[in-house]
């Protein structure tokens, strides 16, 4: 009979709801994943989708800053953070709440169209409305493609 000592240790993986592997190399990322799974249902969002947005936006860095002024885990610009009640965009749970509220608002604004909601999250809802589709910006098109390919791997 084999003993536990004879089993070769393997690095554990976290798999999203859509089967995408997410490696959490430190406890901070694991704690953020737990927070996402706790908070996302409040906004009627799939935690696996939110994980992919956070990965694309900040790679799970709560202190991330973009050259365009976006802040925190979900890279909220100050006006969006204020609009959705975020007082400290570097506080992870506040940022997650604000970012998820915005993502849900975008999804509703674009009648459930996830592609357009993600494009709005990246480029702003006004740009998506102006084009009536994902805008022809390479950054935004790649952002939408990358998140959807990880979130919905079977459909891409």
N, C-alpha and C. Protein backbone atom coordinates (compact mmCIF):
# COMPACT_ATOMS: atom_id res chain seq x y z
N UNK A 1 0.85 -1.18 0.00
CA UNK A 1 0.00 0.00 0.00
C UNK A 1 0.89 1.24 0.00
N UNK A 2 0.55 2.23 -0.82
CA UNK A 2 1.31 3.46 -0.91
C UNK A 2 1.01 4.34 0.30
N UNK A 3 2.03 5.04 0.73
CA UNK A 3 1.82 6.00 1.80
C UNK A 3 1.80 7.40 1.20
N UNK A 4 1.33 8.34 1.98
CA UNK A 4 1.28 9.73 1.53
C UNK A 4 2.68 10.24 1.20
N UNK A 5 3.67 9.76 1.92
CA UNK A 5 5.05 10.18 1.69
C UNK A 5 5.53 9.79 0.30
N UNK A 6 4.95 8.74 -0.29
CA UNK A 6 5.39 8.30 -1.61
C UNK A 6 4.75 9.09 -2.75
N UNK A 7 3.77 9.94 -2.43
CA UNK A 7 3.11 10.74 -3.45
C UNK A 7 3.96 11.97 -3.74
N UNK A 8 4.28 12.14 -5.02
CA UNK A 8 5.10 13.28 -5.41
C UNK A 8 4.28 14.57 -5.30
N UNK A 9 4.81 15.59 -4.59
CA UNK A 9 4.05 16.84 -4.45
C UNK A 9 3.95 17.58 -5.78
N UNK A 10 2.80 18.18 -6.02
CA UNK A 10 2.62 18.99 -7.22
C UNK A 10 2.13 20.37 -6.79
N UNK A 11 2.43 21.34 -7.61
CA UNK A 11 1.99 22.69 -7.32
C UNK A 11 0.48 22.78 -7.56
N UNK A 12 -0.31 23.20 -6.56
CA UNK A 12 -1.75 23.29 -6.75
C UNK A 12 -2.11 24.42 -7.72
N UNK A 13 -3.20 24.24 -8.43
CA UNK A 13 -3.67 25.25 -9.35
C UNK A 13 -5.08 25.64 -8.98
N UNK A 14 -5.46 26.85 -9.35
CA UNK A 14 -6.83 27.29 -9.20
C UNK A 14 -7.41 27.31 -10.60
N UNK A 15 -8.56 26.72 -10.78
CA UNK A 15 -9.20 26.67 -12.08
C UNK A 15 -10.48 27.48 -12.03
N UNK A 16 -10.64 28.38 -12.99
CA UNK A 16 -11.82 29.22 -13.02
C UNK A 16 -13.05 28.38 -13.36
N UNK A 17 -14.20 28.98 -13.25
CA UNK A 17 -15.45 28.31 -13.56
C UNK A 17 -15.55 27.84 -14.99
N UNK A 18 -14.74 28.39 -15.88
CA UNK A 18 -14.75 28.00 -17.29
C UNK A 18 -13.59 27.09 -17.64
N UNK A 19 -12.87 26.60 -16.62
CA UNK A 19 -11.79 25.65 -16.86
C UNK A 19 -10.44 26.28 -17.12
N UNK A 20 -10.33 27.58 -17.03
CA UNK A 20 -9.06 28.25 -17.25
C UNK A 20 -8.21 28.17 -15.99
N UNK A 21 -6.96 27.79 -16.13
CA UNK A 21 -6.07 27.68 -14.99
C UNK A 21 -5.55 29.05 -14.60
N UNK A 22 -5.68 29.36 -13.34
CA UNK A 22 -5.13 30.60 -12.78
C UNK A 22 -4.15 30.20 -11.69
N UNK A 23 -2.90 30.54 -11.85
CA UNK A 23 -1.92 30.19 -10.83
C UNK A 23 -1.81 31.32 -9.82
N UNK A 24 -1.95 30.99 -8.57
CA UNK A 24 -1.82 31.97 -7.50
C UNK A 24 -0.51 31.67 -6.78
N UNK A 25 0.50 32.47 -7.11
CA UNK A 25 1.85 32.19 -6.64
C UNK A 25 2.10 32.72 -5.23
N UNK A 26 1.17 33.45 -4.70
CA UNK A 26 1.35 33.94 -3.33
C UNK A 26 -0.01 34.04 -2.65
N UNK A 27 0.04 34.20 -1.33
CA UNK A 27 -1.21 34.23 -0.56
C UNK A 27 -2.03 35.47 -0.87
N UNK A 28 -1.38 36.58 -1.26
CA UNK A 28 -2.12 37.80 -1.60
C UNK A 28 -3.07 37.52 -2.77
N UNK A 29 -2.58 36.86 -3.80
CA UNK A 29 -3.45 36.53 -4.94
C UNK A 29 -4.57 35.59 -4.53
N UNK A 30 -4.24 34.63 -3.71
CA UNK A 30 -5.27 33.70 -3.24
C UNK A 30 -6.33 34.44 -2.44
N UNK A 31 -5.91 35.35 -1.58
CA UNK A 31 -6.86 36.15 -0.80
C UNK A 31 -7.74 37.00 -1.71
N UNK A 32 -7.15 37.56 -2.75
CA UNK A 32 -7.93 38.36 -3.70
C UNK A 32 -8.95 37.49 -4.44
N UNK A 33 -8.54 36.30 -4.81
CA UNK A 33 -9.46 35.38 -5.48
C UNK A 33 -10.64 35.05 -4.57
N UNK A 34 -10.37 34.83 -3.31
CA UNK A 34 -11.44 34.55 -2.35
C UNK A 34 -12.38 35.75 -2.26
N UNK A 35 -11.81 36.95 -2.17
CA UNK A 35 -12.64 38.16 -2.11
C UNK A 35 -13.50 38.29 -3.36
N UNK A 36 -12.93 38.01 -4.51
CA UNK A 36 -13.69 38.09 -5.77
C UNK A 36 -14.85 37.10 -5.75
N UNK A 37 -14.59 35.88 -5.30
CA UNK A 37 -15.65 34.87 -5.24
C UNK A 37 -16.73 35.25 -4.22
N UNK A 38 -16.36 35.99 -3.18
CA UNK A 38 -17.35 36.45 -2.20
C UNK A 38 -18.19 37.62 -2.74
N UNK A 39 -17.53 38.55 -3.42
CA UNK A 39 -18.18 39.79 -3.83
C UNK A 39 -18.96 39.68 -5.14
N UNK A 40 -18.45 38.95 -6.09
CA UNK A 40 -19.04 38.91 -7.44
C UNK A 40 -20.54 38.58 -7.46
N UNK A 41 -21.02 37.63 -6.66
CA UNK A 41 -22.46 37.35 -6.68
C UNK A 41 -23.33 38.54 -6.30
N UNK A 42 -22.80 39.46 -5.48
CA UNK A 42 -23.56 40.66 -5.12
C UNK A 42 -23.88 41.51 -6.35
N UNK A 43 -23.06 41.38 -7.38
CA UNK A 43 -23.22 42.17 -8.60
C UNK A 43 -23.70 41.32 -9.77
N UNK A 44 -24.13 40.10 -9.47
CA UNK A 44 -24.61 39.17 -10.49
C UNK A 44 -23.56 38.95 -11.57
N UNK A 45 -22.30 38.81 -11.13
CA UNK A 45 -21.20 38.57 -12.04
C UNK A 45 -20.57 37.21 -11.75
N UNK A 46 -20.07 36.58 -12.77
CA UNK A 46 -19.35 35.32 -12.62
C UNK A 46 -17.97 35.65 -12.06
N UNK A 47 -17.60 35.07 -10.92
CA UNK A 47 -16.27 35.35 -10.37
C UNK A 47 -15.14 35.04 -11.35
N UNK A 48 -15.32 34.03 -12.18
CA UNK A 48 -14.28 33.69 -13.16
C UNK A 48 -14.05 34.84 -14.14
N UNK A 49 -15.11 35.52 -14.52
CA UNK A 49 -14.98 36.68 -15.40
C UNK A 49 -14.22 37.80 -14.68
N UNK A 50 -14.59 38.07 -13.44
CA UNK A 50 -13.94 39.14 -12.68
C UNK A 50 -12.46 38.82 -12.48
N UNK A 51 -12.14 37.56 -12.22
CA UNK A 51 -10.74 37.17 -12.10
C UNK A 51 -9.97 37.52 -13.37
N UNK A 52 -10.58 37.26 -14.52
CA UNK A 52 -9.89 37.55 -15.79
C UNK A 52 -9.74 39.05 -16.01
N UNK A 53 -10.74 39.82 -15.61
CA UNK A 53 -10.64 41.28 -15.74
C UNK A 53 -9.52 41.80 -14.84
N UNK A 54 -9.47 41.33 -13.59
CA UNK A 54 -8.43 41.77 -12.67
C UNK A 54 -7.05 41.36 -13.19
N UNK A 55 -6.96 40.15 -13.71
CA UNK A 55 -5.68 39.70 -14.26
C UNK A 55 -5.25 40.60 -15.42
N UNK A 56 -6.18 40.93 -16.31
CA UNK A 56 -5.85 41.78 -17.46
C UNK A 56 -5.54 43.21 -17.04
N UNK A 57 -6.26 43.71 -16.05
CA UNK A 57 -6.10 45.11 -15.65
C UNK A 57 -4.84 45.37 -14.84
N UNK A 58 -4.60 44.56 -13.81
CA UNK A 58 -3.51 44.87 -12.87
C UNK A 58 -2.63 43.68 -12.54
N UNK A 59 -2.95 42.52 -13.09
CA UNK A 59 -2.25 41.28 -12.71
C UNK A 59 -2.24 41.11 -11.19
N UNK A 60 -3.39 41.45 -10.57
CA UNK A 60 -3.63 41.26 -9.14
C UNK A 60 -2.79 42.18 -8.25
N UNK A 61 -2.33 43.30 -8.80
CA UNK A 61 -1.55 44.25 -8.01
C UNK A 61 -2.47 45.36 -7.51
N UNK A 62 -2.80 45.38 -6.22
CA UNK A 62 -3.73 46.40 -5.71
C UNK A 62 -3.16 47.82 -5.74
N UNK A 63 -1.87 47.96 -5.94
CA UNK A 63 -1.22 49.28 -5.99
C UNK A 63 -0.90 49.71 -7.42
N UNK A 64 -1.43 48.99 -8.41
CA UNK A 64 -1.13 49.28 -9.82
C UNK A 64 -1.60 50.68 -10.20
N UNK A 65 -0.81 51.33 -11.05
CA UNK A 65 -1.13 52.64 -11.62
C UNK A 65 -0.81 52.57 -13.10
N UNK A 66 -1.72 53.06 -13.91
CA UNK A 66 -1.43 53.10 -15.35
C UNK A 66 -0.94 54.49 -15.72
N UNK A 67 -0.36 54.58 -16.91
CA UNK A 67 0.09 55.89 -17.38
C UNK A 67 -1.08 56.79 -17.75
N UNK A 68 -2.28 56.22 -17.79
CA UNK A 68 -3.50 57.01 -18.07
C UNK A 68 -4.25 57.39 -16.81
N UNK A 69 -3.67 57.07 -15.64
CA UNK A 69 -4.27 57.47 -14.38
C UNK A 69 -5.22 56.47 -13.75
N UNK A 70 -5.31 55.25 -14.31
CA UNK A 70 -6.17 54.23 -13.73
C UNK A 70 -5.47 53.62 -12.51
N UNK A 71 -6.27 53.25 -11.50
CA UNK A 71 -5.71 52.87 -10.21
C UNK A 71 -6.26 51.56 -9.67
N UNK A 72 -5.39 50.80 -9.02
CA UNK A 72 -5.81 49.64 -8.26
C UNK A 72 -6.07 48.39 -9.07
N UNK A 73 -6.67 47.42 -8.42
CA UNK A 73 -6.89 46.10 -9.00
C UNK A 73 -7.64 46.13 -10.32
N UNK A 74 -8.72 46.89 -10.37
CA UNK A 74 -9.55 46.91 -11.58
C UNK A 74 -9.28 48.16 -12.41
N UNK A 75 -8.21 48.88 -12.07
CA UNK A 75 -7.74 50.03 -12.83
C UNK A 75 -8.85 51.03 -13.11
N UNK A 76 -9.41 51.54 -12.03
CA UNK A 76 -10.47 52.53 -12.13
C UNK A 76 -9.87 53.92 -12.29
N UNK A 77 -10.37 54.68 -13.25
CA UNK A 77 -9.94 56.07 -13.32
C UNK A 77 -10.65 56.80 -12.18
N UNK A 78 -10.07 57.89 -11.69
CA UNK A 78 -10.66 58.55 -10.52
C UNK A 78 -12.13 58.91 -10.68
N UNK A 79 -12.55 59.38 -11.85
CA UNK A 79 -13.96 59.74 -12.03
C UNK A 79 -14.87 58.52 -11.91
N UNK A 80 -14.44 57.39 -12.45
CA UNK A 80 -15.24 56.16 -12.35
C UNK A 80 -15.26 55.66 -10.91
N UNK A 81 -14.11 55.72 -10.26
CA UNK A 81 -14.06 55.30 -8.85
C UNK A 81 -15.05 56.12 -8.03
N UNK A 82 -15.03 57.44 -8.22
CA UNK A 82 -15.95 58.32 -7.47
C UNK A 82 -17.40 57.99 -7.82
N UNK A 83 -17.67 57.79 -9.11
CA UNK A 83 -19.03 57.49 -9.59
C UNK A 83 -19.62 56.26 -8.92
N UNK A 84 -18.74 55.28 -8.61
CA UNK A 84 -19.21 54.03 -8.03
C UNK A 84 -18.82 53.88 -6.56
N UNK A 85 -18.59 55.01 -5.89
CA UNK A 85 -18.44 55.03 -4.45
C UNK A 85 -17.12 54.57 -3.88
N UNK A 86 -16.08 54.57 -4.67
CA UNK A 86 -14.77 54.14 -4.19
C UNK A 86 -14.02 55.35 -3.66
N UNK A 87 -13.72 55.34 -2.36
CA UNK A 87 -12.98 56.44 -1.76
C UNK A 87 -11.47 56.21 -1.84
N UNK A 88 -11.05 54.96 -1.72
CA UNK A 88 -9.62 54.62 -1.79
C UNK A 88 -9.44 53.53 -2.84
N UNK A 89 -9.05 53.90 -4.06
CA UNK A 89 -8.94 52.90 -5.12
C UNK A 89 -7.82 51.88 -4.89
N UNK A 90 -6.94 52.14 -3.93
CA UNK A 90 -5.88 51.19 -3.63
C UNK A 90 -6.28 50.20 -2.54
N UNK A 91 -7.45 50.39 -1.95
CA UNK A 91 -7.95 49.42 -0.97
C UNK A 91 -8.65 48.33 -1.78
N UNK A 92 -8.14 47.10 -1.73
CA UNK A 92 -8.62 46.06 -2.63
C UNK A 92 -10.12 45.83 -2.65
N UNK A 93 -10.76 45.71 -1.51
CA UNK A 93 -12.19 45.41 -1.51
C UNK A 93 -13.01 46.57 -2.06
N UNK A 94 -12.63 47.81 -1.74
CA UNK A 94 -13.33 48.97 -2.30
C UNK A 94 -13.19 48.98 -3.82
N UNK A 95 -11.98 48.73 -4.30
CA UNK A 95 -11.73 48.73 -5.74
C UNK A 95 -12.54 47.64 -6.42
N UNK A 96 -12.57 46.46 -5.82
CA UNK A 96 -13.34 45.36 -6.39
C UNK A 96 -14.83 45.70 -6.44
N UNK A 97 -15.36 46.25 -5.35
CA UNK A 97 -16.77 46.64 -5.35
C UNK A 97 -17.05 47.67 -6.45
N UNK A 98 -16.21 48.70 -6.53
CA UNK A 98 -16.42 49.73 -7.56
C UNK A 98 -16.27 49.18 -8.96
N UNK A 99 -15.25 48.38 -9.18
CA UNK A 99 -15.04 47.80 -10.51
C UNK A 99 -16.15 46.85 -10.92
N UNK A 100 -16.62 46.05 -9.98
CA UNK A 100 -17.71 45.12 -10.30
C UNK A 100 -19.02 45.88 -10.52
N UNK A 101 -19.24 46.93 -9.74
CA UNK A 101 -20.45 47.74 -9.97
C UNK A 101 -20.41 48.35 -11.37
N UNK A 102 -19.26 48.83 -11.78
CA UNK A 102 -19.12 49.41 -13.12
C UNK A 102 -19.29 48.35 -14.20
N UNK A 103 -18.69 47.18 -14.02
CA UNK A 103 -18.82 46.11 -15.01
C UNK A 103 -20.28 45.67 -15.14
N UNK A 104 -20.97 45.55 -14.04
CA UNK A 104 -22.39 45.19 -14.10
C UNK A 104 -23.20 46.29 -14.80
N UNK A 105 -22.91 47.56 -14.47
CA UNK A 105 -23.59 48.68 -15.10
C UNK A 105 -23.37 48.65 -16.61
N UNK A 106 -22.14 48.38 -17.03
CA UNK A 106 -21.83 48.29 -18.47
C UNK A 106 -22.58 47.13 -19.12
N UNK A 107 -22.61 46.01 -18.44
CA UNK A 107 -23.32 44.86 -19.01
C UNK A 107 -24.80 45.19 -19.22
N UNK A 108 -25.40 45.87 -18.26
CA UNK A 108 -26.79 46.27 -18.41
C UNK A 108 -26.94 47.34 -19.49
N UNK A 109 -26.03 48.28 -19.53
CA UNK A 109 -26.07 49.36 -20.53
C UNK A 109 -26.03 48.81 -21.95
N UNK A 110 -25.26 47.72 -22.13
CA UNK A 110 -25.11 47.11 -23.46
C UNK A 110 -25.93 45.83 -23.59
N UNK A 111 -27.06 45.79 -22.88
CA UNK A 111 -28.04 44.72 -23.01
C UNK A 111 -27.45 43.32 -22.89
N UNK A 112 -26.53 43.15 -21.95
CA UNK A 112 -25.96 41.83 -21.70
C UNK A 112 -24.83 41.44 -22.64
N UNK A 113 -24.46 42.30 -23.57
CA UNK A 113 -23.40 41.98 -24.53
C UNK A 113 -22.05 42.10 -23.81
N UNK A 114 -21.44 40.97 -23.51
CA UNK A 114 -20.20 40.95 -22.75
C UNK A 114 -19.06 41.60 -23.51
N UNK A 115 -18.99 41.39 -24.82
CA UNK A 115 -17.93 42.02 -25.62
C UNK A 115 -17.98 43.54 -25.48
N UNK A 116 -19.17 44.10 -25.59
CA UNK A 116 -19.30 45.55 -25.49
C UNK A 116 -19.05 46.04 -24.07
N UNK A 117 -19.48 45.27 -23.08
CA UNK A 117 -19.23 45.66 -21.69
C UNK A 117 -17.73 45.70 -21.41
N UNK A 118 -17.01 44.70 -21.89
CA UNK A 118 -15.56 44.68 -21.68
C UNK A 118 -14.88 45.81 -22.45
N UNK A 119 -15.34 46.07 -23.66
CA UNK A 119 -14.78 47.19 -24.43
C UNK A 119 -15.03 48.50 -23.70
N UNK A 120 -16.21 48.65 -23.12
CA UNK A 120 -16.52 49.85 -22.35
C UNK A 120 -15.66 49.97 -21.11
N UNK A 121 -15.38 48.84 -20.47
CA UNK A 121 -14.53 48.85 -19.29
C UNK A 121 -13.14 49.34 -19.66
N UNK A 122 -12.67 48.96 -20.83
CA UNK A 122 -11.33 49.32 -21.27
C UNK A 122 -11.24 50.72 -21.87
N UNK A 123 -12.18 51.05 -22.74
CA UNK A 123 -12.08 52.31 -23.50
C UNK A 123 -13.07 53.38 -23.05
N UNK A 124 -14.06 52.98 -22.25
CA UNK A 124 -15.10 53.90 -21.82
C UNK A 124 -16.39 53.66 -22.60
N UNK A 125 -17.50 53.78 -21.88
CA UNK A 125 -18.79 53.47 -22.53
C UNK A 125 -19.11 54.43 -23.67
N UNK A 126 -18.69 55.68 -23.55
CA UNK A 126 -18.97 56.66 -24.60
C UNK A 126 -18.34 56.29 -25.92
N UNK A 127 -17.14 55.75 -25.88
CA UNK A 127 -16.45 55.33 -27.11
C UNK A 127 -17.20 54.17 -27.76
N UNK A 128 -17.62 53.21 -26.95
CA UNK A 128 -18.36 52.05 -27.48
C UNK A 128 -19.68 52.51 -28.08
N UNK A 129 -20.36 53.43 -27.41
CA UNK A 129 -21.62 53.95 -27.95
C UNK A 129 -21.40 54.69 -29.26
N UNK A 130 -20.33 55.46 -29.33
CA UNK A 130 -20.03 56.22 -30.55
C UNK A 130 -19.81 55.29 -31.75
N UNK A 131 -19.08 54.17 -31.53
CA UNK A 131 -18.80 53.23 -32.62
C UNK A 131 -19.92 52.20 -32.79
N UNK A 132 -20.73 51.99 -31.76
CA UNK A 132 -21.78 50.98 -31.83
C UNK A 132 -21.23 49.57 -31.79
N UNK A 133 -19.98 49.43 -31.41
CA UNK A 133 -19.31 48.13 -31.37
C UNK A 133 -18.00 48.31 -30.61
N UNK A 134 -17.22 47.24 -30.55
CA UNK A 134 -15.88 47.36 -29.98
C UNK A 134 -15.12 48.36 -30.85
N UNK A 135 -14.58 49.41 -30.26
CA UNK A 135 -13.91 50.42 -31.07
C UNK A 135 -12.68 49.85 -31.79
N UNK A 136 -12.29 50.48 -32.88
CA UNK A 136 -11.16 49.95 -33.68
C UNK A 136 -9.79 50.29 -33.09
N UNK A 137 -9.68 50.22 -31.78
CA UNK A 137 -8.41 50.46 -31.11
C UNK A 137 -7.76 49.10 -30.86
N UNK A 138 -6.52 48.95 -31.28
CA UNK A 138 -5.87 47.65 -31.12
C UNK A 138 -5.80 47.23 -29.65
N UNK A 139 -5.55 48.18 -28.73
CA UNK A 139 -5.48 47.84 -27.32
C UNK A 139 -6.82 47.27 -26.83
N UNK A 140 -7.91 47.93 -27.21
CA UNK A 140 -9.23 47.48 -26.74
C UNK A 140 -9.62 46.16 -27.38
N UNK A 141 -9.36 46.00 -28.66
CA UNK A 141 -9.69 44.73 -29.33
C UNK A 141 -8.90 43.57 -28.72
N UNK A 142 -7.63 43.79 -28.44
CA UNK A 142 -6.80 42.74 -27.83
C UNK A 142 -7.26 42.46 -26.40
N UNK A 143 -7.64 43.48 -25.67
CA UNK A 143 -8.14 43.33 -24.30
C UNK A 143 -9.38 42.44 -24.29
N UNK A 144 -10.34 42.75 -25.14
CA UNK A 144 -11.57 41.95 -25.21
C UNK A 144 -11.25 40.52 -25.64
N UNK A 145 -10.41 40.37 -26.67
CA UNK A 145 -10.06 39.03 -27.16
C UNK A 145 -9.39 38.21 -26.07
N UNK A 146 -8.43 38.83 -25.36
CA UNK A 146 -7.67 38.11 -24.32
C UNK A 146 -8.59 37.65 -23.19
N UNK A 147 -9.45 38.52 -22.70
CA UNK A 147 -10.33 38.14 -21.60
C UNK A 147 -11.31 37.07 -22.05
N UNK A 148 -11.94 37.26 -23.20
CA UNK A 148 -12.90 36.26 -23.65
C UNK A 148 -12.24 34.92 -23.97
N UNK A 149 -11.02 34.92 -24.48
CA UNK A 149 -10.36 33.66 -24.78
C UNK A 149 -10.03 32.88 -23.51
N UNK A 150 -9.78 33.60 -22.42
CA UNK A 150 -9.52 32.93 -21.14
C UNK A 150 -10.80 32.56 -20.43
N UNK A 151 -11.80 33.41 -20.56
CA UNK A 151 -13.06 33.20 -19.86
C UNK A 151 -13.95 32.19 -20.58
N UNK A 152 -13.96 32.25 -21.90
CA UNK A 152 -14.79 31.37 -22.72
C UNK A 152 -13.92 30.59 -23.69
N UNK A 153 -12.99 29.76 -23.20
CA UNK A 153 -12.02 29.13 -24.10
C UNK A 153 -12.64 28.24 -25.18
N UNK A 154 -13.78 27.66 -24.93
CA UNK A 154 -14.38 26.77 -25.92
C UNK A 154 -14.99 27.53 -27.09
N UNK A 155 -15.33 28.80 -26.89
CA UNK A 155 -16.01 29.52 -27.96
C UNK A 155 -15.08 30.38 -28.79
N UNK A 156 -13.80 30.41 -28.46
CA UNK A 156 -12.88 31.26 -29.21
C UNK A 156 -12.03 30.46 -30.15
